[in-house]
Amino acid sequence: MAKKNKKERQIGKPNEEKKHLINPKHKNTIWTIIIVVILLIFFIVNNTRSVPDHGPYPPNYNPKTAAERIQQ
């Protein structure tokens, strides 16, 4: 009785196949699409500001004289 057949040790039906929710062949494609969509959402949310933030100006910066230099 110590030795049992492999068939007797199996739990459940021996020829039963597991049904996957997602086809394993398409799993990488689906994950890629999900990641790209998440990145696009982050990009859109990050770039929807109406006014861009300006960096610090150098000392003695005068926007009027800078505009005059560009026009010359």
PDB file of N, CA and C in Angstrom:
ATOM      1  N   MET A   1       0.808  -1.184   0.000  1.00  0.00           N
ATOM      2  CA  MET A   1       0.000   0.000   0.000  1.00  0.00           C
ATOM      3  C   MET A   1       0.861   1.261   0.000  1.00  0.00           C
ATOM      4  N   ALA A   2       2.147   1.111   0.314  1.00  0.00           N
ATOM      5  CA  ALA A   2       3.037   2.252   0.330  1.00  0.00           C
ATOM      6  C   ALA A   2       3.239   2.828  -1.056  1.00  0.00           C
ATOM      7  N   LYS A   3       3.244   1.962  -2.055  1.00  0.00           N
ATOM      8  CA  LYS A   3       3.405   2.421  -3.428  1.00  0.00           C
ATOM      9  C   LYS A   3       2.032   2.614  -4.050  1.00  0.00           C
ATOM     10  N   LYS A   4       1.817   3.822  -4.566  1.00  0.00           N
ATOM     11  CA  LYS A   4       0.556   4.104  -5.239  1.00  0.00           C
ATOM     12  C   LYS A   4       0.862   4.525  -6.663  1.00  0.00           C
ATOM     13  N   ASN A   5      -0.037   4.287  -7.526  1.00  0.00           N
ATOM     14  CA  ASN A   5       0.133   4.711  -8.902  1.00  0.00           C
ATOM     15  C   ASN A   5       0.056   6.234  -8.991  1.00  0.00           C
ATOM     16  N   LYS A   6       0.694   6.763 -10.002  1.00  0.00           N
ATOM     17  CA  LYS A   6       0.665   8.215 -10.202  1.00  0.00           C
ATOM     18  C   LYS A   6      -0.746   8.714 -10.448  1.00  0.00           C
ATOM     19  N   LYS A   7      -1.556   7.917 -11.078  1.00  0.00           N
ATOM     20  CA  LYS A   7      -2.929   8.300 -11.364  1.00  0.00           C
ATOM     21  C   LYS A   7      -3.732   8.457 -10.087  1.00  0.00           C
ATOM     22  N   GLU A   8      -3.455   7.659  -9.100  1.00  0.00           N
ATOM     23  CA  GLU A   8      -4.180   7.738  -7.839  1.00  0.00           C
ATOM     24  C   GLU A   8      -3.763   8.959  -7.026  1.00  0.00           C
ATOM     25  N   ARG A   9      -2.560   9.435  -7.202  1.00  0.00           N
ATOM     26  CA  ARG A   9      -2.055  10.589  -6.449  1.00  0.00           C
ATOM     27  C   ARG A   9      -2.587  11.923  -6.970  1.00  0.00           C
ATOM     28  N   GLN A  10      -3.044  11.980  -8.201  1.00  0.00           N
ATOM     29  CA  GLN A  10      -3.493  13.229  -8.801  1.00  0.00           C
ATOM     30  C   GLN A  10      -4.794  13.674  -8.151  1.00  0.00           C
ATOM     31  N   ILE A  11      -4.867  14.961  -7.946  1.00  0.00           N
ATOM     32  CA  ILE A  11      -6.077  15.542  -7.383  1.00  0.00           C
ATOM     33  C   ILE A  11      -6.928  16.035  -8.534  1.00  0.00           C
ATOM     34  N   GLY A  12      -8.200  15.744  -8.508  1.00  0.00           N
ATOM     35  CA  GLY A  12      -9.082  16.170  -9.575  1.00  0.00           C
ATOM     36  C   GLY A  12      -9.071  15.173 -10.708  1.00  0.00           C
ATOM     37  N   LYS A  13      -9.634  15.587 -11.806  1.00  0.00           N
ATOM     38  CA  LYS A  13      -9.694  14.714 -12.977  1.00  0.00           C
ATOM     39  C   LYS A  13      -8.366  14.755 -13.724  1.00  0.00           C
ATOM     40  N   PRO A  14      -7.829  13.604 -14.141  1.00  0.00           N
ATOM     41  CA  PRO A  14      -6.500  13.588 -14.761  1.00  0.00           C
ATOM     42  C   PRO A  14      -6.426  14.265 -16.123  1.00  0.00           C
ATOM     43  N   ASN A  15      -7.469  14.267 -16.898  1.00  0.00           N
ATOM     44  CA  ASN A  15      -7.419  14.832 -18.246  1.00  0.00           C
ATOM     45  C   ASN A  15      -8.044  16.227 -18.319  1.00  0.00           C
ATOM     46  N   GLU A  16      -8.265  16.812 -17.186  1.00  0.00           N
ATOM     47  CA  GLU A  16      -8.898  18.131 -17.159  1.00  0.00           C
ATOM     48  C   GLU A  16      -7.863  19.216 -17.461  1.00  0.00           C
ATOM     49  N   GLU A  17      -8.142  20.068 -18.444  1.00  0.00           N
ATOM     50  CA  GLU A  17      -7.240  21.170 -18.789  1.00  0.00           C
ATOM     51  C   GLU A  17      -7.720  22.446 -18.137  1.00  0.00           C
ATOM     52  N   LYS A  18      -6.782  23.270 -17.719  1.00  0.00           N
ATOM     53  CA  LYS A  18      -7.142  24.551 -17.113  1.00  0.00           C
ATOM     54  C   LYS A  18      -7.528  25.532 -18.211  1.00  0.00           C
ATOM     55  N   LYS A  19      -8.618  26.238 -18.001  1.00  0.00           N
ATOM     56  CA  LYS A  19      -9.026  27.268 -18.949  1.00  0.00           C
ATOM     57  C   LYS A  19      -8.473  28.597 -18.453  1.00  0.00           C
ATOM     58  N   HIS A  20      -7.741  29.264 -19.314  1.00  0.00           N
ATOM     59  CA  HIS A  20      -7.133  30.536 -18.963  1.00  0.00           C
ATOM     60  C   HIS A  20      -8.083  31.659 -19.326  1.00  0.00           C
ATOM     61  N   LEU A  21      -8.079  32.702 -18.492  1.00  0.00           N
ATOM     62  CA  LEU A  21      -8.890  33.870 -18.779  1.00  0.00           C
ATOM     63  C   LEU A  21      -8.350  34.605 -19.996  1.00  0.00           C
ATOM     64  N   ILE A  22      -7.029  34.681 -20.096  1.00  0.00           N
ATOM     65  CA  ILE A  22      -6.359  35.308 -21.231  1.00  0.00           C
ATOM     66  C   ILE A  22      -5.544  34.229 -21.934  1.00  0.00           C
ATOM     67  N   ASN A  23      -5.605  34.231 -23.235  1.00  0.00           N
ATOM     68  CA  ASN A  23      -4.837  33.272 -24.016  1.00  0.00           C
ATOM     69  C   ASN A  23      -3.345  33.512 -23.760  1.00  0.00           C
ATOM     70  N   PRO A  24      -2.604  32.509 -23.319  1.00  0.00           N
ATOM     71  CA  PRO A  24      -1.179  32.704 -23.021  1.00  0.00           C
ATOM     72  C   PRO A  24      -0.360  33.227 -24.202  1.00  0.00           C
ATOM     73  N   LYS A  25      -0.801  32.972 -25.410  1.00  0.00           N
ATOM     74  CA  LYS A  25      -0.075  33.457 -26.582  1.00  0.00           C
ATOM     75  C   LYS A  25      -0.159  34.977 -26.700  1.00  0.00           C
ATOM     76  N   HIS A  26      -1.226  35.560 -26.191  1.00  0.00           N
ATOM     77  CA  HIS A  26      -1.446  36.998 -26.330  1.00  0.00           C
ATOM     78  C   HIS A  26      -1.135  37.772 -25.049  1.00  0.00           C
ATOM     79  N   LYS A  27      -0.615  37.111 -24.045  1.00  0.00           N
ATOM     80  CA  LYS A  27      -0.377  37.752 -22.753  1.00  0.00           C
ATOM     81  C   LYS A  27       0.616  38.914 -22.861  1.00  0.00           C
ATOM     82  N   ASN A  28       1.727  38.747 -23.566  1.00  0.00           N
ATOM     83  CA  ASN A  28       2.721  39.813 -23.698  1.00  0.00           C
ATOM     84  C   ASN A  28       2.169  41.007 -24.461  1.00  0.00           C
ATOM     85  N   THR A  29       1.386  40.751 -25.474  1.00  0.00           N
ATOM     86  CA  THR A  29       0.792  41.841 -26.249  1.00  0.00           C
ATOM     87  C   THR A  29      -0.168  42.646 -25.391  1.00  0.00           C
ATOM     88  N   ILE A  30      -0.965  41.977 -24.600  1.00  0.00           N
ATOM     89  CA  ILE A  30      -1.925  42.670 -23.744  1.00  0.00           C
ATOM     90  C   ILE A  30      -1.199  43.506 -22.694  1.00  0.00           C
ATOM     91  N   TRP A  31      -0.155  42.971 -22.073  1.00  0.00           N
ATOM     92  CA  TRP A  31       0.606  43.734 -21.078  1.00  0.00           C
ATOM     93  C   TRP A  31       1.284  44.947 -21.716  1.00  0.00           C
ATOM     94  N   THR A  32       1.788  44.798 -22.923  1.00  0.00           N
ATOM     95  CA  THR A  32       2.418  45.912 -23.620  1.00  0.00           C
ATOM     96  C   THR A  32       1.403  47.024 -23.883  1.00  0.00           C
ATOM     97  N   ILE A  33       0.220  46.648 -24.319  1.00  0.00           N
ATOM     98  CA  ILE A  33      -0.821  47.642 -24.586  1.00  0.00           C
ATOM     99  C   ILE A  33      -1.227  48.352 -23.302  1.00  0.00           C
ATOM    100  N   ILE A  34      -1.360  47.617 -22.216  1.00  0.00           N
ATOM    101  CA  ILE A  34      -1.732  48.226 -20.932  1.00  0.00           C
ATOM    102  C   ILE A  34      -0.677  49.231 -20.483  1.00  0.00           C
ATOM    103  N   ILE A  35       0.597  48.883 -20.591  1.00  0.00           N
ATOM    104  CA  ILE A  35       1.674  49.781 -20.166  1.00  0.00           C
ATOM    105  C   ILE A  35       1.716  51.025 -21.043  1.00  0.00           C
ATOM    106  N   VAL A  36       1.547  50.877 -22.349  1.00  0.00           N
ATOM    107  CA  VAL A  36       1.562  52.029 -23.256  1.00  0.00           C
ATOM    108  C   VAL A  36       0.391  52.961 -22.950  1.00  0.00           C
ATOM    109  N   VAL A  37      -0.781  52.409 -22.673  1.00  0.00           N
ATOM    110  CA  VAL A  37      -1.943  53.245 -22.346  1.00  0.00           C
ATOM    111  C   VAL A  37      -1.708  54.001 -21.042  1.00  0.00           C
ATOM    112  N   ILE A  38      -1.139  53.351 -20.043  1.00  0.00           N
ATOM    113  CA  ILE A  38      -0.850  54.024 -18.771  1.00  0.00           C
ATOM    114  C   ILE A  38       0.154  55.154 -18.986  1.00  0.00           C
ATOM    115  N   LEU A  39       1.198  54.910 -19.771  1.00  0.00           N
ATOM    116  CA  LEU A  39       2.179  55.960 -20.054  1.00  0.00           C
ATOM    117  C   LEU A  39       1.556  57.130 -20.807  1.00  0.00           C
ATOM    118  N   LEU A  40       0.671  56.854 -21.755  1.00  0.00           N
ATOM    119  CA  LEU A  40      -0.017  57.930 -22.471  1.00  0.00           C
ATOM    120  C   LEU A  40      -0.897  58.752 -21.542  1.00  0.00           C
ATOM    121  N   ILE A  41      -1.566  58.106 -20.619  1.00  0.00           N
ATOM    122  CA  ILE A  41      -2.403  58.834 -19.656  1.00  0.00           C
ATOM    123  C   ILE A  41      -1.533  59.748 -18.803  1.00  0.00           C
ATOM    124  N   PHE A  42      -0.402  59.245 -18.304  1.00  0.00           N
ATOM    125  CA  PHE A  42       0.497  60.089 -17.513  1.00  0.00           C
ATOM    126  C   PHE A  42       1.022  61.260 -18.341  1.00  0.00           C
ATOM    127  N   PHE A  43       1.378  61.022 -19.596  1.00  0.00           N
ATOM    128  CA  PHE A  43       1.884  62.076 -20.457  1.00  0.00           C
ATOM    129  C   PHE A  43       0.827  63.154 -20.685  1.00  0.00           C
ATOM    130  N   ILE A  44      -0.404  62.752 -20.957  1.00  0.00           N
ATOM    131  CA  ILE A  44      -1.483  63.709 -21.210  1.00  0.00           C
ATOM    132  C   ILE A  44      -1.795  64.517 -19.955  1.00  0.00           C
ATOM    133  N   VAL A  45      -1.873  63.859 -18.806  1.00  0.00           N
ATOM    134  CA  VAL A  45      -2.167  64.565 -17.554  1.00  0.00           C
ATOM    135  C   VAL A  45      -1.047  65.545 -17.220  1.00  0.00           C
ATOM    136  N   ASN A  46       0.185  65.161 -17.455  1.00  0.00           N
ATOM    137  CA  ASN A  46       1.322  66.017 -17.127  1.00  0.00           C
ATOM    138  C   ASN A  46       1.400  67.242 -18.044  1.00  0.00           C
ATOM    139  N   ASN A  47       0.961  67.132 -19.284  1.00  0.00           N
ATOM    140  CA  ASN A  47       1.120  68.210 -20.244  1.00  0.00           C
ATOM    141  C   ASN A  47      -0.150  68.994 -20.520  1.00  0.00           C
ATOM    142  N   THR A  48      -1.123  68.941 -19.655  1.00  0.00           N
ATOM    143  CA  THR A  48      -2.362  69.672 -19.874  1.00  0.00           C
ATOM    144  C   THR A  48      -2.410  70.984 -19.096  1.00  0.00           C
ATOM    145  N   ARG A  49      -1.307  71.435 -18.590  1.00  0.00           N
ATOM    146  CA  ARG A  49      -1.278  72.723 -17.895  1.00  0.00           C
ATOM    147  C   ARG A  49      -1.459  73.844 -18.910  1.00  0.00           C
ATOM    148  N   SER A  50      -2.147  74.907 -18.476  1.00  0.00           N
ATOM    149  CA  SER A  50      -2.395  76.012 -19.402  1.00  0.00           C
ATOM    150  C   SER A  50      -1.171  76.935 -19.500  1.00  0.00           C
ATOM    151  N   VAL A  51      -0.461  77.142 -18.397  1.00  0.00           N
ATOM    152  CA  VAL A  51       0.699  78.033 -18.401  1.00  0.00           C
ATOM    153  C   VAL A  51       1.925  77.234 -17.967  1.00  0.00           C
ATOM    154  N   PRO A  52       2.957  77.193 -18.785  1.00  0.00           N
ATOM    155  CA  PRO A  52       4.161  76.460 -18.374  1.00  0.00           C
ATOM    156  C   PRO A  52       4.912  77.218 -17.277  1.00  0.00           C
ATOM    157  N   ASP A  53       5.534  76.473 -16.410  1.00  0.00           N
ATOM    158  CA  ASP A  53       6.335  77.089 -15.352  1.00  0.00           C
ATOM    159  C   ASP A  53       7.649  77.588 -15.948  1.00  0.00           C
ATOM    160  N   HIS A  54       8.034  78.807 -15.564  1.00  0.00           N
ATOM    161  CA  HIS A  54       9.288  79.375 -16.036  1.00  0.00           C
ATOM    162  C   HIS A  54      10.363  79.144 -14.983  1.00  0.00           C
ATOM    163  N   GLY A  55      11.557  78.925 -15.451  1.00  0.00           N
ATOM    164  CA  GLY A  55      12.672  78.708 -14.542  1.00  0.00           C
ATOM    165  C   GLY A  55      13.154  80.019 -13.951  1.00  0.00           C
ATOM    166  N   PRO A  56      14.107  79.965 -13.076  1.00  0.00           N
ATOM    167  CA  PRO A  56      14.634  81.189 -12.460  1.00  0.00           C
ATOM    168  C   PRO A  56      15.424  82.014 -13.488  1.00  0.00           C
ATOM    169  N   TYR A  57      15.259  83.298 -13.407  1.00  0.00           N
ATOM    170  CA  TYR A  57      15.972  84.197 -14.316  1.00  0.00           C
ATOM    171  C   TYR A  57      17.326  84.565 -13.700  1.00  0.00           C
ATOM    172  N   PRO A  58      18.304  84.909 -14.532  1.00  0.00           N
ATOM    173  CA  PRO A  58      19.599  85.325 -14.005  1.00  0.00           C
ATOM    174  C   PRO A  58      19.477  86.686 -13.312  1.00  0.00           C
ATOM    175  N   PRO A  59      20.421  87.023 -12.480  1.00  0.00           N
ATOM    176  CA  PRO A  59      20.370  88.330 -11.805  1.00  0.00           C
ATOM    177  C   PRO A  59      20.399  89.465 -12.826  1.00  0.00           C
ATOM    178  N   ASN A  60      19.756  90.556 -12.514  1.00  0.00           N
ATOM    179  CA  ASN A  60      19.678  91.758 -13.355  1.00  0.00           C
ATOM    180  C   ASN A  60      18.999  91.489 -14.689  1.00  0.00           C
ATOM    181  N   TYR A  61      18.091  90.543 -14.749  1.00  0.00           N
ATOM    182  CA  TYR A  61      17.373  90.233 -15.983  1.00  0.00           C
ATOM    183  C   TYR A  61      16.230  91.224 -16.138  1.00  0.00           C
ATOM    184  N   ASN A  62      16.148  91.797 -17.327  1.00  0.00           N
ATOM    185  CA  ASN A  62      15.073  92.732 -17.635  1.00  0.00           C
ATOM    186  C   ASN A  62      14.384  92.251 -18.905  1.00  0.00           C
ATOM    187  N   PRO A  63      13.109  91.841 -18.814  1.00  0.00           N
ATOM    188  CA  PRO A  63      12.443  91.287 -19.995  1.00  0.00           C
ATOM    189  C   PRO A  63      12.278  92.311 -21.118  1.00  0.00           C
ATOM    190  N   LYS A  64      12.199  93.616 -20.803  1.00  0.00           N
ATOM    191  CA  LYS A  64      12.031  94.625 -21.855  1.00  0.00           C
ATOM    192  C   LYS A  64      13.291  94.725 -22.713  1.00  0.00           C
ATOM    193  N   THR A  65      14.445  94.743 -22.092  1.00  0.00           N
ATOM    194  CA  THR A  65      15.685  94.840 -22.858  1.00  0.00           C
ATOM    195  C   THR A  65      15.965  93.535 -23.621  1.00  0.00           C
ATOM    196  N   ALA A  66      15.541  92.406 -23.064  1.00  0.00           N
ATOM    197  CA  ALA A  66      15.720  91.139 -23.761  1.00  0.00           C
ATOM    198  C   ALA A  66      14.863  91.111 -25.027  1.00  0.00           C
ATOM    199  N   ALA A  67      13.652  91.661 -24.969  1.00  0.00           N
ATOM    200  CA  ALA A  67      12.790  91.710 -26.145  1.00  0.00           C
ATOM    201  C   ALA A  67      13.372  92.655 -27.194  1.00  0.00           C
ATOM    202  N   GLU A  68      13.989  93.734 -26.763  1.00  0.00           N
ATOM    203  CA  GLU A  68      14.609  94.673 -27.714  1.00  0.00           C
ATOM    204  C   GLU A  68      15.809  94.019 -28.423  1.00  0.00           C
ATOM    205  N   ARG A  69      16.570  93.218 -27.701  1.00  0.00           N
ATOM    206  CA  ARG A  69      17.732  92.547 -28.306  1.00  0.00           C
ATOM    207  C   ARG A  69      17.280  91.514 -29.355  1.00  0.00           C
ATOM    208  N   ILE A  70      16.185  90.868 -29.106  1.00  0.00           N
ATOM    209  CA  ILE A  70      15.682  89.882 -30.073  1.00  0.00           C
ATOM    210  C   ILE A  70      15.229  90.562 -31.348  1.00  0.00           C
ATOM    211  N   GLN A  71      14.607  91.726 -31.232  1.00  0.00           N
ATOM    212  CA  GLN A  71      14.085  92.438 -32.411  1.00  0.00           C
ATOM    213  C   GLN A  71      15.201  93.035 -33.261  1.00  0.00           C
ATOM    214  N   GLN A  72      16.348  93.260 -32.725  1.00  0.00           N
ATOM    215  CA  GLN A  72      17.431  93.909 -33.490  1.00  0.00           C
ATOM    216  C   GLN A  72      18.005  92.986 -34.449  1.00  0.00           C
TER     217      GLN A  72
END
